[in-house]
Amino acid sequence: MEFYVPLGCRGIVFRFGTFLIGILGGIAYRKAARRRSPAASDPAASLALLELLALD
């Protein structure tokens, strides 16, 4: 059930803070994604490939 509680000025600060957290989180994610190697993007696929290579 949704409800609304008027927050006044605190609501504006809350919305700005959550917006800022979203922006900073996106920046941190993009920086971390650039540092990762392409092989590390899907560990299940890389393990399956290693197993296939070990069998041959």
PDB file of N, CA and C in Angstrom:
ATOM      1  N   MET A   1       0.840  -1.167   0.000  1.00  0.00           N
ATOM      2  CA  MET A   1       0.000   0.000   0.000  1.00  0.00           C
ATOM      3  C   MET A   1       0.893   1.240   0.000  1.00  0.00           C
ATOM      4  N   GLU A   2       0.652   2.100  -0.935  1.00  0.00           N
ATOM      5  CA  GLU A   2       1.436   3.315  -1.027  1.00  0.00           C
ATOM      6  C   GLU A   2       0.819   4.401  -0.158  1.00  0.00           C
ATOM      7  N   PHE A   3       1.682   5.219   0.379  1.00  0.00           N
ATOM      8  CA  PHE A   3       1.197   6.356   1.155  1.00  0.00           C
ATOM      9  C   PHE A   3       2.146   7.523   0.942  1.00  0.00           C
ATOM     10  N   TYR A   4       1.676   8.683   1.227  1.00  0.00           N
ATOM     11  CA  TYR A   4       2.463   9.893   1.026  1.00  0.00           C
ATOM     12  C   TYR A   4       2.540  10.660   2.329  1.00  0.00           C
ATOM     13  N   VAL A   5       3.753  11.004   2.697  1.00  0.00           N
ATOM     14  CA  VAL A   5       3.970  11.822   3.883  1.00  0.00           C
ATOM     15  C   VAL A   5       4.688  13.078   3.414  1.00  0.00           C
ATOM     16  N   PRO A   6       4.117  14.227   3.570  1.00  0.00           N
ATOM     17  CA  PRO A   6       4.788  15.448   3.130  1.00  0.00           C
ATOM     18  C   PRO A   6       6.075  15.676   3.923  1.00  0.00           C
ATOM     19  N   LEU A   7       7.164  15.862   3.216  1.00  0.00           N
ATOM     20  CA  LEU A   7       8.455  16.047   3.867  1.00  0.00           C
ATOM     21  C   LEU A   7       8.964  17.480   3.801  1.00  0.00           C
ATOM     22  N   GLY A   8       8.365  18.300   2.965  1.00  0.00           N
ATOM     23  CA  GLY A   8       8.794  19.686   2.858  1.00  0.00           C
ATOM     24  C   GLY A   8      10.209  19.788   2.313  1.00  0.00           C
ATOM     25  N   CYS A   9      11.027  20.596   2.942  1.00  0.00           N
ATOM     26  CA  CYS A   9      12.410  20.809   2.497  1.00  0.00           C
ATOM     27  C   CYS A   9      13.244  19.543   2.610  1.00  0.00           C
ATOM     28  N   ARG A  10      12.936  18.716   3.607  1.00  0.00           N
ATOM     29  CA  ARG A  10      13.686  17.460   3.764  1.00  0.00           C
ATOM     30  C   ARG A  10      13.476  16.549   2.569  1.00  0.00           C
ATOM     31  N   GLY A  11      12.311  16.606   1.952  1.00  0.00           N
ATOM     32  CA  GLY A  11      12.042  15.788   0.772  1.00  0.00           C
ATOM     33  C   GLY A  11      12.923  16.177  -0.394  1.00  0.00           C
ATOM     34  N   ILE A  12      13.136  17.461  -0.564  1.00  0.00           N
ATOM     35  CA  ILE A  12      14.003  17.950  -1.645  1.00  0.00           C
ATOM     36  C   ILE A  12      15.431  17.487  -1.395  1.00  0.00           C
ATOM     37  N   VAL A  13      15.891  17.606  -0.168  1.00  0.00           N
ATOM     38  CA  VAL A  13      17.245  17.168   0.181  1.00  0.00           C
ATOM     39  C   VAL A  13      17.366  15.656  -0.018  1.00  0.00           C
ATOM     40  N   PHE A  14      16.354  14.897   0.379  1.00  0.00           N
ATOM     41  CA  PHE A  14      16.353  13.453   0.219  1.00  0.00           C
ATOM     42  C   PHE A  14      16.421  13.064  -1.256  1.00  0.00           C
ATOM     43  N   ARG A  15      15.610  13.695  -2.089  1.00  0.00           N
ATOM     44  CA  ARG A  15      15.618  13.385  -3.524  1.00  0.00           C
ATOM     45  C   ARG A  15      16.937  13.755  -4.162  1.00  0.00           C
ATOM     46  N   PHE A  16      17.507  14.895  -3.778  1.00  0.00           N
ATOM     47  CA  PHE A  16      18.807  15.298  -4.322  1.00  0.00           C
ATOM     48  C   PHE A  16      19.888  14.306  -3.890  1.00  0.00           C
ATOM     49  N   GLY A  17      19.847  13.874  -2.641  1.00  0.00           N
ATOM     50  CA  GLY A  17      20.839  12.921  -2.138  1.00  0.00           C
ATOM     51  C   GLY A  17      20.766  11.584  -2.849  1.00  0.00           C
ATOM     52  N   THR A  18      19.563  11.065  -3.064  1.00  0.00           N
ATOM     53  CA  THR A  18      19.435   9.785  -3.761  1.00  0.00           C
ATOM     54  C   THR A  18      19.845   9.914  -5.225  1.00  0.00           C
ATOM     55  N   PHE A  19      19.575  11.058  -5.833  1.00  0.00           N
ATOM     56  CA  PHE A  19      20.017  11.305  -7.201  1.00  0.00           C
ATOM     57  C   PHE A  19      21.540  11.323  -7.262  1.00  0.00           C
ATOM     58  N   LEU A  20      22.163  12.002  -6.316  1.00  0.00           N
ATOM     59  CA  LEU A  20      23.618  12.103  -6.278  1.00  0.00           C
ATOM     60  C   LEU A  20      24.262  10.737  -6.034  1.00  0.00           C
ATOM     61  N   ILE A  21      23.668   9.930  -5.162  1.00  0.00           N
ATOM     62  CA  ILE A  21      24.179   8.583  -4.914  1.00  0.00           C
ATOM     63  C   ILE A  21      24.098   7.739  -6.194  1.00  0.00           C
ATOM     64  N   GLY A  22      23.030   7.882  -6.941  1.00  0.00           N
ATOM     65  CA  GLY A  22      22.896   7.150  -8.194  1.00  0.00           C
ATOM     66  C   GLY A  22      23.958   7.545  -9.205  1.00  0.00           C
ATOM     67  N   ILE A  23      24.231   8.827  -9.315  1.00  0.00           N
ATOM     68  CA  ILE A  23      25.250   9.309 -10.249  1.00  0.00           C
ATOM     69  C   ILE A  23      26.631   8.799  -9.835  1.00  0.00           C
ATOM     70  N   LEU A  24      26.971   8.950  -8.562  1.00  0.00           N
ATOM     71  CA  LEU A  24      28.286   8.512  -8.092  1.00  0.00           C
ATOM     72  C   LEU A  24      28.442   6.993  -8.186  1.00  0.00           C
ATOM     73  N   GLY A  25      27.373   6.255  -7.936  1.00  0.00           N
ATOM     74  CA  GLY A  25      27.431   4.804  -8.079  1.00  0.00           C
ATOM     75  C   GLY A  25      27.672   4.389  -9.523  1.00  0.00           C
ATOM     76  N   GLY A  26      27.038   5.075 -10.452  1.00  0.00           N
ATOM     77  CA  GLY A  26      27.257   4.793 -11.871  1.00  0.00           C
ATOM     78  C   GLY A  26      28.683   5.077 -12.301  1.00  0.00           C
ATOM     79  N   ILE A  27      29.244   6.165 -11.801  1.00  0.00           N
ATOM     80  CA  ILE A  27      30.635   6.497 -12.122  1.00  0.00           C
ATOM     81  C   ILE A  27      31.578   5.434 -11.568  1.00  0.00           C
ATOM     82  N   ALA A  28      31.354   5.022 -10.333  1.00  0.00           N
ATOM     83  CA  ALA A  28      32.204   3.995  -9.723  1.00  0.00           C
ATOM     84  C   ALA A  28      32.087   2.679 -10.488  1.00  0.00           C
ATOM     85  N   TYR A  29      30.875   2.326 -10.911  1.00  0.00           N
ATOM     86  CA  TYR A  29      30.677   1.084 -11.664  1.00  0.00           C
ATOM     87  C   TYR A  29      31.422   1.136 -12.988  1.00  0.00           C
ATOM     88  N   ARG A  30      31.325   2.250 -13.687  1.00  0.00           N
ATOM     89  CA  ARG A  30      32.003   2.363 -14.982  1.00  0.00           C
ATOM     90  C   ARG A  30      33.515   2.307 -14.831  1.00  0.00           C
ATOM     91  N   LYS A  31      34.058   2.940 -13.792  1.00  0.00           N
ATOM     92  CA  LYS A  31      35.504   2.876 -13.557  1.00  0.00           C
ATOM     93  C   LYS A  31      35.946   1.455 -13.270  1.00  0.00           C
ATOM     94  N   ALA A  32      35.185   0.742 -12.443  1.00  0.00           N
ATOM     95  CA  ALA A  32      35.532  -0.641 -12.107  1.00  0.00           C
ATOM     96  C   ALA A  32      35.392  -1.541 -13.334  1.00  0.00           C
ATOM     97  N   ALA A  33      34.396  -1.296 -14.171  1.00  0.00           N
ATOM     98  CA  ALA A  33      34.195  -2.123 -15.367  1.00  0.00           C
ATOM     99  C   ALA A  33      35.336  -1.930 -16.347  1.00  0.00           C
ATOM    100  N   ARG A  34      35.899  -0.740 -16.427  1.00  0.00           N
ATOM    101  CA  ARG A  34      37.020  -0.502 -17.333  1.00  0.00           C
ATOM    102  C   ARG A  34      38.274  -1.217 -16.866  1.00  0.00           C
ATOM    103  N   ARG A  35      38.434  -1.365 -15.538  1.00  0.00           N
ATOM    104  CA  ARG A  35      39.627  -2.023 -15.005  1.00  0.00           C
ATOM    105  C   ARG A  35      39.586  -3.534 -15.156  1.00  0.00           C
ATOM    106  N   ARG A  36      38.373  -4.113 -15.223  1.00  0.00           N
ATOM    107  CA  ARG A  36      38.252  -5.567 -15.337  1.00  0.00           C
ATOM    108  C   ARG A  36      38.666  -6.041 -16.723  1.00  0.00           C
ATOM    109  N   SER A  37      39.259  -7.215 -16.772  1.00  0.00           N
ATOM    110  CA  SER A  37      39.618  -7.792 -18.064  1.00  0.00           C
ATOM    111  C   SER A  37      38.360  -8.386 -18.704  1.00  0.00           C
ATOM    112  N   PRO A  38      38.326  -8.489 -20.020  1.00  0.00           N
ATOM    113  CA  PRO A  38      37.141  -9.066 -20.675  1.00  0.00           C
ATOM    114  C   PRO A  38      36.893 -10.518 -20.272  1.00  0.00           C
ATOM    115  N   ALA A  39      37.930 -11.274 -19.954  1.00  0.00           N
ATOM    116  CA  ALA A  39      37.759 -12.674 -19.573  1.00  0.00           C
ATOM    117  C   ALA A  39      37.083 -12.800 -18.217  1.00  0.00           C
ATOM    118  N   ALA A  40      37.219 -11.805 -17.373  1.00  0.00           N
ATOM    119  CA  ALA A  40      36.651 -11.863 -16.030  1.00  0.00           C
ATOM    120  C   ALA A  40      35.194 -11.420 -16.001  1.00  0.00           C
ATOM    121  N   SER A  41      34.627 -11.055 -17.149  1.00  0.00           N
ATOM    122  CA  SER A  41      33.261 -10.549 -17.153  1.00  0.00           C
ATOM    123  C   SER A  41      32.243 -11.645 -16.845  1.00  0.00           C
ATOM    124  N   ASP A  42      32.509 -12.886 -17.261  1.00  0.00           N
ATOM    125  CA  ASP A  42      31.588 -13.987 -16.996  1.00  0.00           C
ATOM    126  C   ASP A  42      32.392 -15.176 -16.470  1.00  0.00           C
ATOM    127  N   PRO A  43      32.512 -15.299 -15.151  1.00  0.00           N
ATOM    128  CA  PRO A  43      33.373 -16.348 -14.608  1.00  0.00           C
ATOM    129  C   PRO A  43      32.895 -17.755 -14.948  1.00  0.00           C
ATOM    130  N   ALA A  44      31.605 -17.966 -15.105  1.00  0.00           N
ATOM    131  CA  ALA A  44      31.107 -19.302 -15.439  1.00  0.00           C
ATOM    132  C   ALA A  44      31.566 -19.712 -16.834  1.00  0.00           C
ATOM    133  N   ALA A  45      31.535 -18.781 -17.776  1.00  0.00           N
ATOM    134  CA  ALA A  45      31.965 -19.087 -19.138  1.00  0.00           C
ATOM    135  C   ALA A  45      33.462 -19.347 -19.179  1.00  0.00           C
ATOM    136  N   SER A  46      34.254 -18.584 -18.431  1.00  0.00           N
ATOM    137  CA  SER A  46      35.692 -18.789 -18.453  1.00  0.00           C
ATOM    138  C   SER A  46      36.062 -20.118 -17.800  1.00  0.00           C
ATOM    139  N   LEU A  47      35.331 -20.536 -16.750  1.00  0.00           N
ATOM    140  CA  LEU A  47      35.597 -21.830 -16.130  1.00  0.00           C
ATOM    141  C   LEU A  47      35.239 -22.964 -17.078  1.00  0.00           C
ATOM    142  N   ALA A  48      34.127 -22.834 -17.791  1.00  0.00           N
ATOM    143  CA  ALA A  48      33.745 -23.863 -18.751  1.00  0.00           C
ATOM    144  C   ALA A  48      34.777 -23.961 -19.868  1.00  0.00           C
ATOM    145  N   LEU A  49      35.302 -22.838 -20.319  1.00  0.00           N
ATOM    146  CA  LEU A  49      36.321 -22.843 -21.353  1.00  0.00           C
ATOM    147  C   LEU A  49      37.593 -23.504 -20.857  1.00  0.00           C
ATOM    148  N   LEU A  50      38.000 -23.224 -19.637  1.00  0.00           N
ATOM    149  CA  LEU A  50      39.186 -23.852 -19.065  1.00  0.00           C
ATOM    150  C   LEU A  50      39.008 -25.355 -18.952  1.00  0.00           C
ATOM    151  N   GLU A  51      37.812 -25.798 -18.571  1.00  0.00           N
ATOM    152  CA  GLU A  51      37.555 -27.234 -18.480  1.00  0.00           C
ATOM    153  C   GLU A  51      37.618 -27.895 -19.851  1.00  0.00           C
ATOM    154  N   LEU A  52      37.075 -27.235 -20.860  1.00  0.00           N
ATOM    155  CA  LEU A  52      37.137 -27.795 -22.212  1.00  0.00           C
ATOM    156  C   LEU A  52      38.572 -27.877 -22.718  1.00  0.00           C
ATOM    157  N   LEU A  53      39.359 -26.848 -22.436  1.00  0.00           N
ATOM    158  CA  LEU A  53      40.743 -26.857 -22.851  1.00  0.00           C
ATOM    159  C   LEU A  53      41.546 -27.911 -22.102  1.00  0.00           C
ATOM    160  N   ALA A  54      41.224 -28.183 -20.851  1.00  0.00           N
ATOM    161  CA  ALA A  54      41.944 -29.170 -20.058  1.00  0.00           C
ATOM    162  C   ALA A  54      41.643 -30.579 -20.550  1.00  0.00           C
ATOM    163  N   LEU A  55      40.461 -30.808 -21.124  1.00  0.00           N
ATOM    164  CA  LEU A  55      40.101 -32.133 -21.601  1.00  0.00           C
ATOM    165  C   LEU A  55      40.845 -32.505 -22.871  1.00  0.00           C
ATOM    166  N   ASP A  56      41.186 -31.527 -23.681  1.00  0.00           N
ATOM    167  CA  ASP A  56      41.849 -31.816 -24.957  1.00  0.00           C
ATOM    168  C   ASP A  56      43.312 -32.089 -24.818  1.00  0.00           C
TER     169      ASP A  56
END
